Amino acid sequence: MNEVKLSLQKIGIFYTVYGIGSYAKNMVTRNGKAPYDLDYNLEIIKPLPPKYSDLKKLKNLIRTEIDKKLQNTGFSC
């Protein structure tokens, strides 16, 4: 998540990220061989560049950046 945050800062998107739910309480569980489910909140802390004021575009950008960072790690978004 830190690598994603740094790459988005380069294009003017600044946010704080924090774990929520069971992840925030250090109670991550897994049902058998099912994937882990880690939930995060991203809180925008500075005004967005006009290009990303459409929140769907912002969501897609963030998801794309996360997917890029997760390639070849065995994890997925």
C-alpha atoms as a PDB file:
ATOM      1  CA  MET A   1       0.000   0.000   0.000  1.00  0.00           C
ATOM      2  CA  ASN A   2       2.912   2.350   0.656  1.00  0.00           C
ATOM      3  CA  GLU A   3       4.237   1.903  -2.895  1.00  0.00           C
ATOM      4  CA  VAL A   4       0.795   2.722  -4.308  1.00  0.00           C
ATOM      5  CA  LYS A   5       0.584   5.768  -2.076  1.00  0.00           C
ATOM      6  CA  LEU A   6       3.961   7.053  -3.292  1.00  0.00           C
ATOM      7  CA  SER A   7       3.096   6.577  -6.964  1.00  0.00           C
ATOM      8  CA  LEU A   8      -0.217   8.421  -6.549  1.00  0.00           C
ATOM      9  CA  GLN A   9       1.457  11.288  -4.703  1.00  0.00           C
ATOM     10  CA  LYS A  10       3.520  11.879  -7.851  1.00  0.00           C
ATOM     11  CA  ILE A  11       0.313  12.792  -9.702  1.00  0.00           C
ATOM     12  CA  GLY A  12      -1.110  14.904  -6.892  1.00  0.00           C
ATOM     13  CA  ILE A  13      -3.286  12.424  -5.000  1.00  0.00           C
ATOM     14  CA  PHE A  14      -2.612  12.478  -1.273  1.00  0.00           C
ATOM     15  CA  TYR A  15      -4.340  10.190   1.199  1.00  0.00           C
ATOM     16  CA  THR A  16      -4.008   8.361   4.474  1.00  0.00           C
ATOM     17  CA  VAL A  17      -4.581   4.616   4.498  1.00  0.00           C
ATOM     18  CA  TYR A  18      -5.581   2.540   7.483  1.00  0.00           C
ATOM     19  CA  GLY A  19      -6.852  -0.953   8.136  1.00  0.00           C
ATOM     20  CA  ILE A  20     -10.448  -1.480   9.196  1.00  0.00           C
ATOM     21  CA  GLY A  21     -12.541  -4.343  10.527  1.00  0.00           C
ATOM     22  CA  SER A  22     -10.823  -7.436  11.853  1.00  0.00           C
ATOM     23  CA  TYR A  23      -7.551  -6.410  10.197  1.00  0.00           C
ATOM     24  CA  ALA A  24      -7.420  -3.245  12.323  1.00  0.00           C
ATOM     25  CA  LYS A  25      -7.825  -5.370  15.450  1.00  0.00           C
ATOM     26  CA  ASN A  26      -5.075  -7.842  14.448  1.00  0.00           C
ATOM     27  CA  MET A  27      -7.683 -10.574  14.122  1.00  0.00           C
ATOM     28  CA  VAL A  28      -7.219 -11.608  10.482  1.00  0.00           C
ATOM     29  CA  THR A  29      -8.840 -14.961   9.868  1.00  0.00           C
ATOM     30  CA  ARG A  30      -8.960 -17.380   6.993  1.00  0.00           C
ATOM     31  CA  ASN A  31     -11.546 -20.037   6.225  1.00  0.00           C
ATOM     32  CA  GLY A  32      -9.626 -23.089   5.084  1.00  0.00           C
ATOM     33  CA  LYS A  33      -7.897 -22.355   1.791  1.00  0.00           C
ATOM     34  CA  ALA A  34     -10.025 -19.292   1.049  1.00  0.00           C
ATOM     35  CA  PRO A  35      -8.118 -16.063   0.384  1.00  0.00           C
ATOM     36  CA  TYR A  36      -7.387 -13.572   3.127  1.00  0.00           C
ATOM     37  CA  ASP A  37      -9.638 -10.524   3.170  1.00  0.00           C
ATOM     38  CA  LEU A  38      -7.896  -7.358   4.319  1.00  0.00           C
ATOM     39  CA  ASP A  39      -9.949  -4.170   4.310  1.00  0.00           C
ATOM     40  CA  TYR A  40      -8.523  -0.671   4.126  1.00  0.00           C
ATOM     41  CA  ASN A  41      -9.946   2.834   4.120  1.00  0.00           C
ATOM     42  CA  LEU A  42      -8.301   5.542   2.054  1.00  0.00           C
ATOM     43  CA  GLU A  43      -8.942   9.045   3.324  1.00  0.00           C
ATOM     44  CA  ILE A  44      -8.198  11.834   0.850  1.00  0.00           C
ATOM     45  CA  ILE A  45      -6.279  14.558   2.720  1.00  0.00           C
ATOM     46  CA  LYS A  46      -5.722  17.201   0.004  1.00  0.00           C
ATOM     47  CA  PRO A  47      -7.925  18.475  -2.817  1.00  0.00           C
ATOM     48  CA  LEU A  48      -7.882  16.149  -5.810  1.00  0.00           C
ATOM     49  CA  PRO A  49      -6.477  17.168  -9.191  1.00  0.00           C
ATOM     50  CA  PRO A  50      -9.409  18.178 -11.446  1.00  0.00           C
ATOM     51  CA  LYS A  51      -8.804  15.110 -13.634  1.00  0.00           C
ATOM     52  CA  TYR A  52      -9.724  12.846 -10.695  1.00  0.00           C
ATOM     53  CA  SER A  53     -12.627  14.797  -9.224  1.00  0.00           C
ATOM     54  CA  ASP A  54     -14.836  12.109 -10.820  1.00  0.00           C
ATOM     55  CA  LEU A  55     -14.670   9.526  -8.045  1.00  0.00           C
ATOM     56  CA  LYS A  56     -15.200   6.589 -10.425  1.00  0.00           C
ATOM     57  CA  LYS A  57     -12.039   7.620 -12.276  1.00  0.00           C
ATOM     58  CA  LEU A  58     -10.219   7.924  -8.965  1.00  0.00           C
ATOM     59  CA  LYS A  59     -11.392   4.491  -7.828  1.00  0.00           C
ATOM     60  CA  ASN A  60     -10.318   2.916 -11.119  1.00  0.00           C
ATOM     61  CA  LEU A  61      -6.919   4.611 -10.941  1.00  0.00           C
ATOM     62  CA  ILE A  62      -6.287   3.411  -7.387  1.00  0.00           C
ATOM     63  CA  ARG A  63      -7.426  -0.116  -8.211  1.00  0.00           C
ATOM     64  CA  THR A  64      -5.174  -0.194 -11.298  1.00  0.00           C
ATOM     65  CA  GLU A  65      -2.196   0.985  -9.261  1.00  0.00           C
ATOM     66  CA  ILE A  66      -2.825  -1.655  -6.595  1.00  0.00           C
ATOM     67  CA  ASP A  67      -3.120  -4.356  -9.274  1.00  0.00           C
ATOM     68  CA  LYS A  68       0.202  -3.250 -10.796  1.00  0.00           C
ATOM     69  CA  LYS A  69       1.964  -3.494  -7.439  1.00  0.00           C
ATOM     70  CA  LEU A  70       0.452  -6.909  -6.724  1.00  0.00           C
ATOM     71  CA  GLN A  71       1.499  -8.488 -10.018  1.00  0.00           C
ATOM     72  CA  ASN A  72       3.683 -11.539  -9.503  1.00  0.00           C
ATOM     73  CA  THR A  73       3.151 -11.538  -5.720  1.00  0.00           C
ATOM     74  CA  GLY A  74       0.430 -14.172  -5.462  1.00  0.00           C
ATOM     75  CA  PHE A  75      -1.996 -11.582  -4.098  1.00  0.00           C
ATOM     76  CA  SER A  76      -4.895  -9.922  -5.894  1.00  0.00           C
ATOM     77  CA  CYS A  77      -7.230  -6.990  -5.460  1.00  0.00           C
END
